mmCIF file of all heavy atoms, coordinates in Angstrom:
data_MODEL
# 
_entry.id   MODEL 
# 
loop_
_atom_site.group_PDB 
_atom_site.id 
_atom_site.type_symbol 
_atom_site.label_atom_id 
_atom_site.label_alt_id 
_atom_site.label_comp_id 
_atom_site.label_asym_id 
_atom_site.label_entity_id 
_atom_site.label_seq_id 
_atom_site.pdbx_PDB_ins_code 
_atom_site.Cartn_x 
_atom_site.Cartn_y 
_atom_site.Cartn_z 
_atom_site.occupancy 
_atom_site.B_iso_or_equiv 
_atom_site.pdbx_formal_charge 
_atom_site.auth_seq_id 
_atom_site.auth_comp_id 
_atom_site.auth_asym_id 
_atom_site.auth_atom_id 
_atom_site.pdbx_PDB_model_num 
ATOM 1   N N   . HIS A 1 1  ? 1.395  4.331   -10.261 1.00 0.00 ? 1  HIS A N   1 
ATOM 2   C CA  . HIS A 1 1  ? 0.212  4.963   -10.649 1.00 0.00 ? 1  HIS A CA  1 
ATOM 3   C C   . HIS A 1 1  ? -0.525 5.494   -9.436  1.00 0.00 ? 1  HIS A C   1 
ATOM 4   O O   . HIS A 1 1  ? -1.022 6.765   -9.391  1.00 0.00 ? 1  HIS A O   1 
ATOM 5   C CB  . HIS A 1 1  ? -0.820 3.917   -11.373 1.00 0.00 ? 1  HIS A CB  1 
ATOM 6   C CG  . HIS A 1 1  ? -0.855 4.071   -12.713 1.00 0.00 ? 1  HIS A CG  1 
ATOM 7   N ND1 . HIS A 1 1  ? -1.617 4.736   -13.481 1.00 0.00 ? 1  HIS A ND1 1 
ATOM 8   C CD2 . HIS A 1 1  ? -0.134 3.180   -13.705 1.00 0.00 ? 1  HIS A CD2 1 
ATOM 9   C CE1 . HIS A 1 1  ? -1.395 4.665   -14.815 1.00 0.00 ? 1  HIS A CE1 1 
ATOM 10  N NE2 . HIS A 1 1  ? -0.508 3.699   -14.886 1.00 0.00 ? 1  HIS A NE2 1 
ATOM 11  N N   . LEU A 1 2  ? -0.612 4.715   -8.284  1.00 0.00 ? 2  LEU A N   1 
ATOM 12  C CA  . LEU A 1 2  ? -1.254 5.169   -7.179  1.00 0.00 ? 2  LEU A CA  1 
ATOM 13  C C   . LEU A 1 2  ? -0.410 6.361   -6.511  1.00 0.00 ? 2  LEU A C   1 
ATOM 14  O O   . LEU A 1 2  ? -1.151 7.336   -5.975  1.00 0.00 ? 2  LEU A O   1 
ATOM 15  C CB  . LEU A 1 2  ? -1.362 3.966   -6.247  1.00 0.00 ? 2  LEU A CB  1 
ATOM 16  C CG  . LEU A 1 2  ? -2.345 2.985   -6.580  1.00 0.00 ? 2  LEU A CG  1 
ATOM 17  C CD1 . LEU A 1 2  ? -2.247 1.733   -5.527  1.00 0.00 ? 2  LEU A CD1 1 
ATOM 18  C CD2 . LEU A 1 2  ? -3.822 3.352   -6.711  1.00 0.00 ? 2  LEU A CD2 1 
ATOM 19  N N   . GLN A 1 3  ? 0.823  6.284   -6.563  1.00 0.00 ? 3  GLN A N   1 
ATOM 20  C CA  . GLN A 1 3  ? 1.608  7.277   -5.946  1.00 0.00 ? 3  GLN A CA  1 
ATOM 21  C C   . GLN A 1 3  ? 1.534  8.676   -6.668  1.00 0.00 ? 3  GLN A C   1 
ATOM 22  O O   . GLN A 1 3  ? 1.342  9.682   -6.019  1.00 0.00 ? 3  GLN A O   1 
ATOM 23  C CB  . GLN A 1 3  ? 3.118  6.844   -5.937  1.00 0.00 ? 3  GLN A CB  1 
ATOM 24  C CG  . GLN A 1 3  ? 4.008  7.723   -5.105  1.00 0.00 ? 3  GLN A CG  1 
ATOM 25  C CD  . GLN A 1 3  ? 3.652  7.809   -3.625  1.00 0.00 ? 3  GLN A CD  1 
ATOM 26  O OE1 . GLN A 1 3  ? 3.581  6.705   -3.058  1.00 0.00 ? 3  GLN A OE1 1 
ATOM 27  N NE2 . GLN A 1 3  ? 3.588  9.014   -2.978  1.00 0.00 ? 3  GLN A NE2 1 
ATOM 28  N N   . ARG A 1 4  ? 1.448  8.659   -7.979  1.00 0.00 ? 4  ARG A N   1 
ATOM 29  C CA  . ARG A 1 4  ? 1.326  9.763   -8.789  1.00 0.00 ? 4  ARG A CA  1 
ATOM 30  C C   . ARG A 1 4  ? -0.010 10.529  -8.536  1.00 0.00 ? 4  ARG A C   1 
ATOM 31  O O   . ARG A 1 4  ? -0.063 11.812  -8.384  1.00 0.00 ? 4  ARG A O   1 
ATOM 32  C CB  . ARG A 1 4  ? 1.537  9.612   -10.229 1.00 0.00 ? 4  ARG A CB  1 
ATOM 33  C CG  . ARG A 1 4  ? 2.977  9.318   -10.619 1.00 0.00 ? 4  ARG A CG  1 
ATOM 34  C CD  . ARG A 1 4  ? 3.071  9.464   -12.278 1.00 0.00 ? 4  ARG A CD  1 
ATOM 35  N NE  . ARG A 1 4  ? 2.240  8.623   -13.035 1.00 0.00 ? 4  ARG A NE  1 
ATOM 36  C CZ  . ARG A 1 4  ? 2.482  7.419   -13.363 1.00 0.00 ? 4  ARG A CZ  1 
ATOM 37  N NH1 . ARG A 1 4  ? 3.775  6.885   -13.068 1.00 0.00 ? 4  ARG A NH1 1 
ATOM 38  N NH2 . ARG A 1 4  ? 1.716  6.675   -14.121 1.00 0.00 ? 4  ARG A NH2 1 
ATOM 39  N N   . ARG A 1 5  ? -1.038 9.817   -8.565  1.00 0.00 ? 5  ARG A N   1 
ATOM 40  C CA  . ARG A 1 5  ? -2.423 10.333  -8.442  1.00 0.00 ? 5  ARG A CA  1 
ATOM 41  C C   . ARG A 1 5  ? -2.788 10.448  -7.007  1.00 0.00 ? 5  ARG A C   1 
ATOM 42  O O   . ARG A 1 5  ? -3.666 11.452  -6.717  1.00 0.00 ? 5  ARG A O   1 
ATOM 43  C CB  . ARG A 1 5  ? -3.498 9.345   -9.105  1.00 0.00 ? 5  ARG A CB  1 
ATOM 44  C CG  . ARG A 1 5  ? -3.253 9.296   -10.626 1.00 0.00 ? 5  ARG A CG  1 
ATOM 45  C CD  . ARG A 1 5  ? -3.378 10.740  -11.238 1.00 0.00 ? 5  ARG A CD  1 
ATOM 46  N NE  . ARG A 1 5  ? -3.081 10.629  -12.686 1.00 0.00 ? 5  ARG A NE  1 
ATOM 47  C CZ  . ARG A 1 5  ? -3.974 10.547  -13.548 1.00 0.00 ? 5  ARG A CZ  1 
ATOM 48  N NH1 . ARG A 1 5  ? -5.289 10.274  -13.250 1.00 0.00 ? 5  ARG A NH1 1 
ATOM 49  N NH2 . ARG A 1 5  ? -3.651 10.482  -14.899 1.00 0.00 ? 5  ARG A NH2 1 
ATOM 50  N N   . PHE A 1 6  ? -2.473 9.807   -6.076  1.00 0.00 ? 6  PHE A N   1 
ATOM 51  C CA  . PHE A 1 6  ? -2.919 9.841   -4.605  1.00 0.00 ? 6  PHE A CA  1 
ATOM 52  C C   . PHE A 1 6  ? -1.898 10.022  -3.588  1.00 0.00 ? 6  PHE A C   1 
ATOM 53  O O   . PHE A 1 6  ? -2.307 10.242  -2.521  1.00 0.00 ? 6  PHE A O   1 
ATOM 54  C CB  . PHE A 1 6  ? -3.835 8.671   -4.320  1.00 0.00 ? 6  PHE A CB  1 
ATOM 55  C CG  . PHE A 1 6  ? -4.890 8.371   -5.366  1.00 0.00 ? 6  PHE A CG  1 
ATOM 56  C CD1 . PHE A 1 6  ? -4.679 7.380   -6.301  1.00 0.00 ? 6  PHE A CD1 1 
ATOM 57  C CD2 . PHE A 1 6  ? -6.081 9.077   -5.427  1.00 0.00 ? 6  PHE A CD2 1 
ATOM 58  C CE1 . PHE A 1 6  ? -5.647 7.004   -7.186  1.00 0.00 ? 6  PHE A CE1 1 
ATOM 59  C CE2 . PHE A 1 6  ? -6.923 8.768   -6.288  1.00 0.00 ? 6  PHE A CE2 1 
ATOM 60  C CZ  . PHE A 1 6  ? -6.864 7.727   -7.240  1.00 0.00 ? 6  PHE A CZ  1 
ATOM 61  N N   . GLY A 1 7  ? -0.639 10.112  -3.959  1.00 0.00 ? 7  GLY A N   1 
ATOM 62  C CA  . GLY A 1 7  ? 0.471  10.115  -3.041  1.00 0.00 ? 7  GLY A CA  1 
ATOM 63  C C   . GLY A 1 7  ? 0.458  11.264  -2.025  1.00 0.00 ? 7  GLY A C   1 
ATOM 64  O O   . GLY A 1 7  ? 1.023  11.250  -0.980  1.00 0.00 ? 7  GLY A O   1 
ATOM 65  N N   . ALA A 1 8  ? -0.078 12.438  -2.443  1.00 0.00 ? 8  ALA A N   1 
ATOM 66  C CA  . ALA A 1 8  ? -0.053 13.704  -1.632  1.00 0.00 ? 8  ALA A CA  1 
ATOM 67  C C   . ALA A 1 8  ? -0.913 13.511  -0.420  1.00 0.00 ? 8  ALA A C   1 
ATOM 68  O O   . ALA A 1 8  ? -0.639 14.094  0.562   1.00 0.00 ? 8  ALA A O   1 
ATOM 69  C CB  . ALA A 1 8  ? -0.474 14.815  -2.470  1.00 0.00 ? 8  ALA A CB  1 
ATOM 70  N N   . ASP A 1 9  ? -2.015 12.797  -0.535  1.00 0.00 ? 9  ASP A N   1 
ATOM 71  C CA  . ASP A 1 9  ? -3.018 12.683  0.546   1.00 0.00 ? 9  ASP A CA  1 
ATOM 72  C C   . ASP A 1 9  ? -3.074 11.223  1.099   1.00 0.00 ? 9  ASP A C   1 
ATOM 73  O O   . ASP A 1 9  ? -3.741 11.009  2.240   1.00 0.00 ? 9  ASP A O   1 
ATOM 74  C CB  . ASP A 1 9  ? -4.414 13.122  0.043   1.00 0.00 ? 9  ASP A CB  1 
ATOM 75  C CG  . ASP A 1 9  ? -4.323 14.592  -0.434  1.00 0.00 ? 9  ASP A CG  1 
ATOM 76  O OD1 . ASP A 1 9  ? -3.926 15.434  0.278   1.00 0.00 ? 9  ASP A OD1 1 
ATOM 77  O OD2 . ASP A 1 9  ? -4.756 14.757  -1.665  1.00 0.00 ? 9  ASP A OD2 1 
ATOM 78  N N   . TYR A 1 10 ? -2.616 10.223  0.442   1.00 0.00 ? 10 TYR A N   1 
ATOM 79  C CA  . TYR A 1 10 ? -2.681 8.918   0.923   1.00 0.00 ? 10 TYR A CA  1 
ATOM 80  C C   . TYR A 1 10 ? -1.415 8.224   1.007   1.00 0.00 ? 10 TYR A C   1 
ATOM 81  O O   . TYR A 1 10 ? -0.446 8.576   0.264   1.00 0.00 ? 10 TYR A O   1 
ATOM 82  C CB  . TYR A 1 10 ? -3.608 8.120   -0.123  1.00 0.00 ? 10 TYR A CB  1 
ATOM 83  C CG  . TYR A 1 10 ? -5.155 8.575   -0.106  1.00 0.00 ? 10 TYR A CG  1 
ATOM 84  C CD1 . TYR A 1 10 ? -5.495 9.756   -0.747  1.00 0.00 ? 10 TYR A CD1 1 
ATOM 85  C CD2 . TYR A 1 10 ? -5.958 8.003   0.771   1.00 0.00 ? 10 TYR A CD2 1 
ATOM 86  C CE1 . TYR A 1 10 ? -6.812 10.169  -0.805  1.00 0.00 ? 10 TYR A CE1 1 
ATOM 87  C CE2 . TYR A 1 10 ? -7.314 8.464   0.867   1.00 0.00 ? 10 TYR A CE2 1 
ATOM 88  C CZ  . TYR A 1 10 ? -7.724 9.394   0.104   1.00 0.00 ? 10 TYR A CZ  1 
ATOM 89  O OH  . TYR A 1 10 ? -8.984 9.896   0.086   1.00 0.00 ? 10 TYR A OH  1 
ATOM 90  N N   . ARG A 1 11 ? -1.283 7.253   1.871   1.00 0.00 ? 11 ARG A N   1 
ATOM 91  C CA  . ARG A 1 11 ? -0.100 6.486   2.030   1.00 0.00 ? 11 ARG A CA  1 
ATOM 92  C C   . ARG A 1 11 ? -0.141 5.174   1.128   1.00 0.00 ? 11 ARG A C   1 
ATOM 93  O O   . ARG A 1 11 ? -1.075 4.439   1.239   1.00 0.00 ? 11 ARG A O   1 
ATOM 94  C CB  . ARG A 1 11 ? 0.024  6.014   3.464   1.00 0.00 ? 11 ARG A CB  1 
ATOM 95  C CG  . ARG A 1 11 ? 1.324  5.229   3.812   1.00 0.00 ? 11 ARG A CG  1 
ATOM 96  C CD  . ARG A 1 11 ? 1.481  5.284   5.287   1.00 0.00 ? 11 ARG A CD  1 
ATOM 97  N NE  . ARG A 1 11 ? 0.317  4.701   5.999   1.00 0.00 ? 11 ARG A NE  1 
ATOM 98  C CZ  . ARG A 1 11 ? 0.401  3.431   6.584   1.00 0.00 ? 11 ARG A CZ  1 
ATOM 99  N NH1 . ARG A 1 11 ? 1.529  2.780   6.711   1.00 0.00 ? 11 ARG A NH1 1 
ATOM 100 N NH2 . ARG A 1 11 ? -0.764 2.982   7.186   1.00 0.00 ? 11 ARG A NH2 1 
ATOM 101 N N   . VAL A 1 12 ? 0.668  5.220   0.079   1.00 0.00 ? 12 VAL A N   1 
ATOM 102 C CA  . VAL A 1 12 ? 0.579  4.022   -0.902  1.00 0.00 ? 12 VAL A CA  1 
ATOM 103 C C   . VAL A 1 12 ? 1.617  2.951   -0.521  1.00 0.00 ? 12 VAL A C   1 
ATOM 104 O O   . VAL A 1 12 ? 2.785  3.281   -0.254  1.00 0.00 ? 12 VAL A O   1 
ATOM 105 C CB  . VAL A 1 12 ? 0.977  4.523   -2.245  1.00 0.00 ? 12 VAL A CB  1 
ATOM 106 C CG1 . VAL A 1 12 ? 0.999  3.462   -3.263  1.00 0.00 ? 12 VAL A CG1 1 
ATOM 107 C CG2 . VAL A 1 12 ? -0.154 5.536   -2.727  1.00 0.00 ? 12 VAL A CG2 1 
ATOM 108 N N   . ARG A 1 13 ? 1.207  1.773   -0.463  1.00 0.00 ? 13 ARG A N   1 
ATOM 109 C CA  . ARG A 1 13 ? 2.041  0.556   -0.087  1.00 0.00 ? 13 ARG A CA  1 
ATOM 110 C C   . ARG A 1 13 ? 1.825  -0.575  -1.033  1.00 0.00 ? 13 ARG A C   1 
ATOM 111 O O   . ARG A 1 13 ? 0.598  -0.711  -1.538  1.00 0.00 ? 13 ARG A O   1 
ATOM 112 C CB  . ARG A 1 13 ? 1.819  0.024   1.315   1.00 0.00 ? 13 ARG A CB  1 
ATOM 113 C CG  . ARG A 1 13 ? 2.456  0.945   2.374   1.00 0.00 ? 13 ARG A CG  1 
ATOM 114 C CD  . ARG A 1 13 ? 3.963  0.703   2.535   1.00 0.00 ? 13 ARG A CD  1 
ATOM 115 N NE  . ARG A 1 13 ? 4.219  -0.768  2.929   1.00 0.00 ? 13 ARG A NE  1 
ATOM 116 C CZ  . ARG A 1 13 ? 4.373  -1.167  4.062   1.00 0.00 ? 13 ARG A CZ  1 
ATOM 117 N NH1 . ARG A 1 13 ? 4.181  -0.290  5.168   1.00 0.00 ? 13 ARG A NH1 1 
ATOM 118 N NH2 . ARG A 1 13 ? 4.655  -2.355  4.402   1.00 0.00 ? 13 ARG A NH2 1 
ATOM 119 N N   . GLY A 1 14 ? 2.776  -1.292  -1.398  1.00 0.00 ? 14 GLY A N   1 
ATOM 120 C CA  . GLY A 1 14 ? 2.747  -2.506  -2.221  1.00 0.00 ? 14 GLY A CA  1 
ATOM 121 C C   . GLY A 1 14 ? 3.290  -3.627  -1.542  1.00 0.00 ? 14 GLY A C   1 
ATOM 122 O O   . GLY A 1 14 ? 4.371  -3.479  -0.871  1.00 0.00 ? 14 GLY A O   1 
ATOM 123 N N   . GLU A 1 15 ? 2.741  -4.800  -1.646  1.00 0.00 ? 15 GLU A N   1 
ATOM 124 C CA  . GLU A 1 15 ? 3.175  -6.072  -1.051  1.00 0.00 ? 15 GLU A CA  1 
ATOM 125 C C   . GLU A 1 15 ? 3.119  -7.187  -2.016  1.00 0.00 ? 15 GLU A C   1 
ATOM 126 O O   . GLU A 1 15 ? 2.235  -7.160  -2.806  1.00 0.00 ? 15 GLU A O   1 
ATOM 127 C CB  . GLU A 1 15 ? 2.407  -6.350  0.206   1.00 0.00 ? 15 GLU A CB  1 
ATOM 128 C CG  . GLU A 1 15 ? 2.479  -5.497  1.347   1.00 0.00 ? 15 GLU A CG  1 
ATOM 129 C CD  . GLU A 1 15 ? 3.743  -5.257  2.050   1.00 0.00 ? 15 GLU A CD  1 
ATOM 130 O OE1 . GLU A 1 15 ? 4.654  -6.194  1.786   1.00 0.00 ? 15 GLU A OE1 1 
ATOM 131 O OE2 . GLU A 1 15 ? 4.035  -4.443  2.929   1.00 0.00 ? 15 GLU A OE2 1 
ATOM 132 N N   . LEU A 1 16 ? 4.144  -8.071  -1.993  1.00 0.00 ? 16 LEU A N   1 
ATOM 133 C CA  . LEU A 1 16 ? 4.258  -9.051  -2.834  1.00 0.00 ? 16 LEU A CA  1 
ATOM 134 C C   . LEU A 1 16 ? 3.558  -10.411 -2.373  1.00 0.00 ? 16 LEU A C   1 
ATOM 135 O O   . LEU A 1 16 ? 3.131  -11.222 -3.187  1.00 0.00 ? 16 LEU A O   1 
ATOM 136 C CB  . LEU A 1 16 ? 5.695  -9.487  -3.219  1.00 0.00 ? 16 LEU A CB  1 
ATOM 137 C CG  . LEU A 1 16 ? 6.588  -8.401  -3.915  1.00 0.00 ? 16 LEU A CG  1 
ATOM 138 C CD1 . LEU A 1 16 ? 8.043  -8.806  -3.908  1.00 0.00 ? 16 LEU A CD1 1 
ATOM 139 C CD2 . LEU A 1 16 ? 6.021  -8.406  -5.335  1.00 0.00 ? 16 LEU A CD2 1 
ATOM 140 N N   . THR A 1 17 ? 3.198  -10.491 -1.119  1.00 0.00 ? 17 THR A N   1 
ATOM 141 C CA  . THR A 1 17 ? 2.641  -11.625 -0.583  1.00 0.00 ? 17 THR A CA  1 
ATOM 142 C C   . THR A 1 17 ? 1.384  -11.308 0.207   1.00 0.00 ? 17 THR A C   1 
ATOM 143 O O   . THR A 1 17 ? 1.288  -10.241 0.827   1.00 0.00 ? 17 THR A O   1 
ATOM 144 C CB  . THR A 1 17 ? 3.606  -12.400 0.232   1.00 0.00 ? 17 THR A CB  1 
ATOM 145 O OG1 . THR A 1 17 ? 3.917  -11.715 1.456   1.00 0.00 ? 17 THR A OG1 1 
ATOM 146 C CG2 . THR A 1 17 ? 4.854  -12.792 -0.472  1.00 0.00 ? 17 THR A CG2 1 
ATOM 147 N N   . SER A 1 18 ? 0.457  -12.226 0.313   1.00 0.00 ? 18 SER A N   1 
ATOM 148 C CA  . SER A 1 18 ? -0.680 -12.010 1.068   1.00 0.00 ? 18 SER A CA  1 
ATOM 149 C C   . SER A 1 18 ? -0.448 -11.946 2.630   1.00 0.00 ? 18 SER A C   1 
ATOM 150 O O   . SER A 1 18 ? -1.097 -11.267 3.379   1.00 0.00 ? 18 SER A O   1 
ATOM 151 C CB  . SER A 1 18 ? -1.746 -13.190 0.844   1.00 0.00 ? 18 SER A CB  1 
ATOM 152 O OG  . SER A 1 18 ? -1.215 -14.457 1.021   1.00 0.00 ? 18 SER A OG  1 
ATOM 153 N N   . GLY A 1 19 ? 0.603  -12.736 3.034   1.00 0.00 ? 19 GLY A N   1 
ATOM 154 C CA  . GLY A 1 19 ? 0.992  -12.798 4.374   1.00 0.00 ? 19 GLY A CA  1 
ATOM 155 C C   . GLY A 1 19 ? 1.483  -11.430 4.878   1.00 0.00 ? 19 GLY A C   1 
ATOM 156 O O   . GLY A 1 19 ? 1.148  -10.887 5.887   1.00 0.00 ? 19 GLY A O   1 
ATOM 157 N N   . ALA A 1 20 ? 2.357  -10.716 4.085   1.00 0.00 ? 20 ALA A N   1 
ATOM 158 C CA  . ALA A 1 20 ? 2.895  -9.442  4.421   1.00 0.00 ? 20 ALA A CA  1 
ATOM 159 C C   . ALA A 1 20 ? 1.702  -8.378  4.445   1.00 0.00 ? 20 ALA A C   1 
ATOM 160 O O   . ALA A 1 20 ? 1.572  -7.540  5.279   1.00 0.00 ? 20 ALA A O   1 
ATOM 161 C CB  . ALA A 1 20 ? 3.912  -9.010  3.481   1.00 0.00 ? 20 ALA A CB  1 
ATOM 162 N N   . ALA A 1 21 ? 0.803  -8.478  3.469   1.00 0.00 ? 21 ALA A N   1 
ATOM 163 C CA  . ALA A 1 21 ? -0.398 -7.566  3.382   1.00 0.00 ? 21 ALA A CA  1 
ATOM 164 C C   . ALA A 1 21 ? -1.247 -7.789  4.609   1.00 0.00 ? 21 ALA A C   1 
ATOM 165 O O   . ALA A 1 21 ? -1.668 -6.746  5.185   1.00 0.00 ? 21 ALA A O   1 
ATOM 166 C CB  . ALA A 1 21 ? -1.140 -7.930  2.125   1.00 0.00 ? 21 ALA A CB  1 
ATOM 167 N N   . LEU A 1 22 ? -1.533 -9.049  5.024   1.00 0.00 ? 22 LEU A N   1 
ATOM 168 C CA  . LEU A 1 22 ? -2.423 -9.150  6.178   1.00 0.00 ? 22 LEU A CA  1 
ATOM 169 C C   . LEU A 1 22 ? -1.712 -8.578  7.494   1.00 0.00 ? 22 LEU A C   1 
ATOM 170 O O   . LEU A 1 22 ? -2.388 -8.025  8.333   1.00 0.00 ? 22 LEU A O   1 
ATOM 171 C CB  . LEU A 1 22 ? -2.596 -10.762 6.422   1.00 0.00 ? 22 LEU A CB  1 
ATOM 172 C CG  . LEU A 1 22 ? -3.976 -11.279 5.846   1.00 0.00 ? 22 LEU A CG  1 
ATOM 173 C CD1 . LEU A 1 22 ? -3.938 -12.822 6.102   1.00 0.00 ? 22 LEU A CD1 1 
ATOM 174 C CD2 . LEU A 1 22 ? -5.074 -10.624 6.408   1.00 0.00 ? 22 LEU A CD2 1 
ATOM 175 N N   . GLU A 1 23 ? -0.477 -8.935  7.523   1.00 0.00 ? 23 GLU A N   1 
ATOM 176 C CA  . GLU A 1 23 ? 0.363  -8.300  8.712   1.00 0.00 ? 23 GLU A CA  1 
ATOM 177 C C   . GLU A 1 23 ? 0.229  -6.722  8.805   1.00 0.00 ? 23 GLU A C   1 
ATOM 178 O O   . GLU A 1 23 ? -0.086 -6.198  9.884   1.00 0.00 ? 23 GLU A O   1 
ATOM 179 C CB  . GLU A 1 23 ? 1.832  -8.668  8.699   1.00 0.00 ? 23 GLU A CB  1 
ATOM 180 C CG  . GLU A 1 23 ? 2.553  -8.125  9.924   1.00 0.00 ? 23 GLU A CG  1 
ATOM 181 C CD  . GLU A 1 23 ? 3.944  -8.655  9.885   1.00 0.00 ? 23 GLU A CD  1 
ATOM 182 O OE1 . GLU A 1 23 ? 4.383  -9.396  8.947   1.00 0.00 ? 23 GLU A OE1 1 
ATOM 183 O OE2 . GLU A 1 23 ? 4.868  -8.156  10.723  1.00 0.00 ? 23 GLU A OE2 1 
ATOM 184 N N   . LEU A 1 24 ? 0.327  -6.160  7.705   1.00 0.00 ? 24 LEU A N   1 
ATOM 185 C CA  . LEU A 1 24 ? 0.088  -4.699  7.554   1.00 0.00 ? 24 LEU A CA  1 
ATOM 186 C C   . LEU A 1 24 ? -1.200 -4.243  7.876   1.00 0.00 ? 24 LEU A C   1 
ATOM 187 O O   . LEU A 1 24 ? -1.508 -3.301  8.626   1.00 0.00 ? 24 LEU A O   1 
ATOM 188 C CB  . LEU A 1 24 ? 0.635  -4.089  6.179   1.00 0.00 ? 24 LEU A CB  1 
ATOM 189 C CG  . LEU A 1 24 ? 0.228  -2.668  5.899   1.00 0.00 ? 24 LEU A CG  1 
ATOM 190 C CD1 . LEU A 1 24 ? 1.048  -1.742  6.817   1.00 0.00 ? 24 LEU A CD1 1 
ATOM 191 C CD2 . LEU A 1 24 ? 0.551  -2.408  4.492   1.00 0.00 ? 24 LEU A CD2 1 
ATOM 192 N N   . LEU A 1 25 ? -2.235 -4.951  7.434   1.00 0.00 ? 25 LEU A N   1 
ATOM 193 C CA  . LEU A 1 25 ? -3.674 -4.585  7.599   1.00 0.00 ? 25 LEU A CA  1 
ATOM 194 C C   . LEU A 1 25 ? -4.131 -4.835  9.122   1.00 0.00 ? 25 LEU A C   1 
ATOM 195 O O   . LEU A 1 25 ? -4.768 -3.998  9.656   1.00 0.00 ? 25 LEU A O   1 
ATOM 196 C CB  . LEU A 1 25 ? -4.455 -5.391  6.734   1.00 0.00 ? 25 LEU A CB  1 
ATOM 197 C CG  . LEU A 1 25 ? -4.419 -5.071  5.190   1.00 0.00 ? 25 LEU A CG  1 
ATOM 198 C CD1 . LEU A 1 25 ? -5.100 -6.101  4.390   1.00 0.00 ? 25 LEU A CD1 1 
ATOM 199 C CD2 . LEU A 1 25 ? -5.236 -3.835  4.849   1.00 0.00 ? 25 LEU A CD2 1 
ATOM 200 N N   . ARG A 1 26 ? -3.453 -5.787  9.734   1.00 0.00 ? 26 ARG A N   1 
ATOM 201 C CA  . ARG A 1 26 ? -3.773 -6.022  11.175  1.00 0.00 ? 26 ARG A CA  1 
ATOM 202 C C   . ARG A 1 26 ? -3.127 -4.975  11.992  1.00 0.00 ? 26 ARG A C   1 
ATOM 203 O O   . ARG A 1 26 ? -3.686 -4.528  12.957  1.00 0.00 ? 26 ARG A O   1 
ATOM 204 C CB  . ARG A 1 26 ? -3.303 -7.445  11.554  1.00 0.00 ? 26 ARG A CB  1 
ATOM 205 C CG  . ARG A 1 26 ? -4.198 -8.494  11.098  1.00 0.00 ? 26 ARG A CG  1 
ATOM 206 C CD  . ARG A 1 26 ? -3.731 -9.920  11.218  1.00 0.00 ? 26 ARG A CD  1 
ATOM 207 N NE  . ARG A 1 26 ? -4.602 -10.917 10.752  1.00 0.00 ? 26 ARG A NE  1 
ATOM 208 C CZ  . ARG A 1 26 ? -4.201 -12.134 10.327  1.00 0.00 ? 26 ARG A CZ  1 
ATOM 209 N NH1 . ARG A 1 26 ? -2.968 -12.415 10.285  1.00 0.00 ? 26 ARG A NH1 1 
ATOM 210 N NH2 . ARG A 1 26 ? -5.022 -13.047 9.994   1.00 0.00 ? 26 ARG A NH2 1 
# 
């Protein structure tokens, strides 16, 4: 959904764990 609507202007990422998400955000 995010890729179709916003992928042209935004970088869309998905993570399965909070640890991986935190690492990306940091």
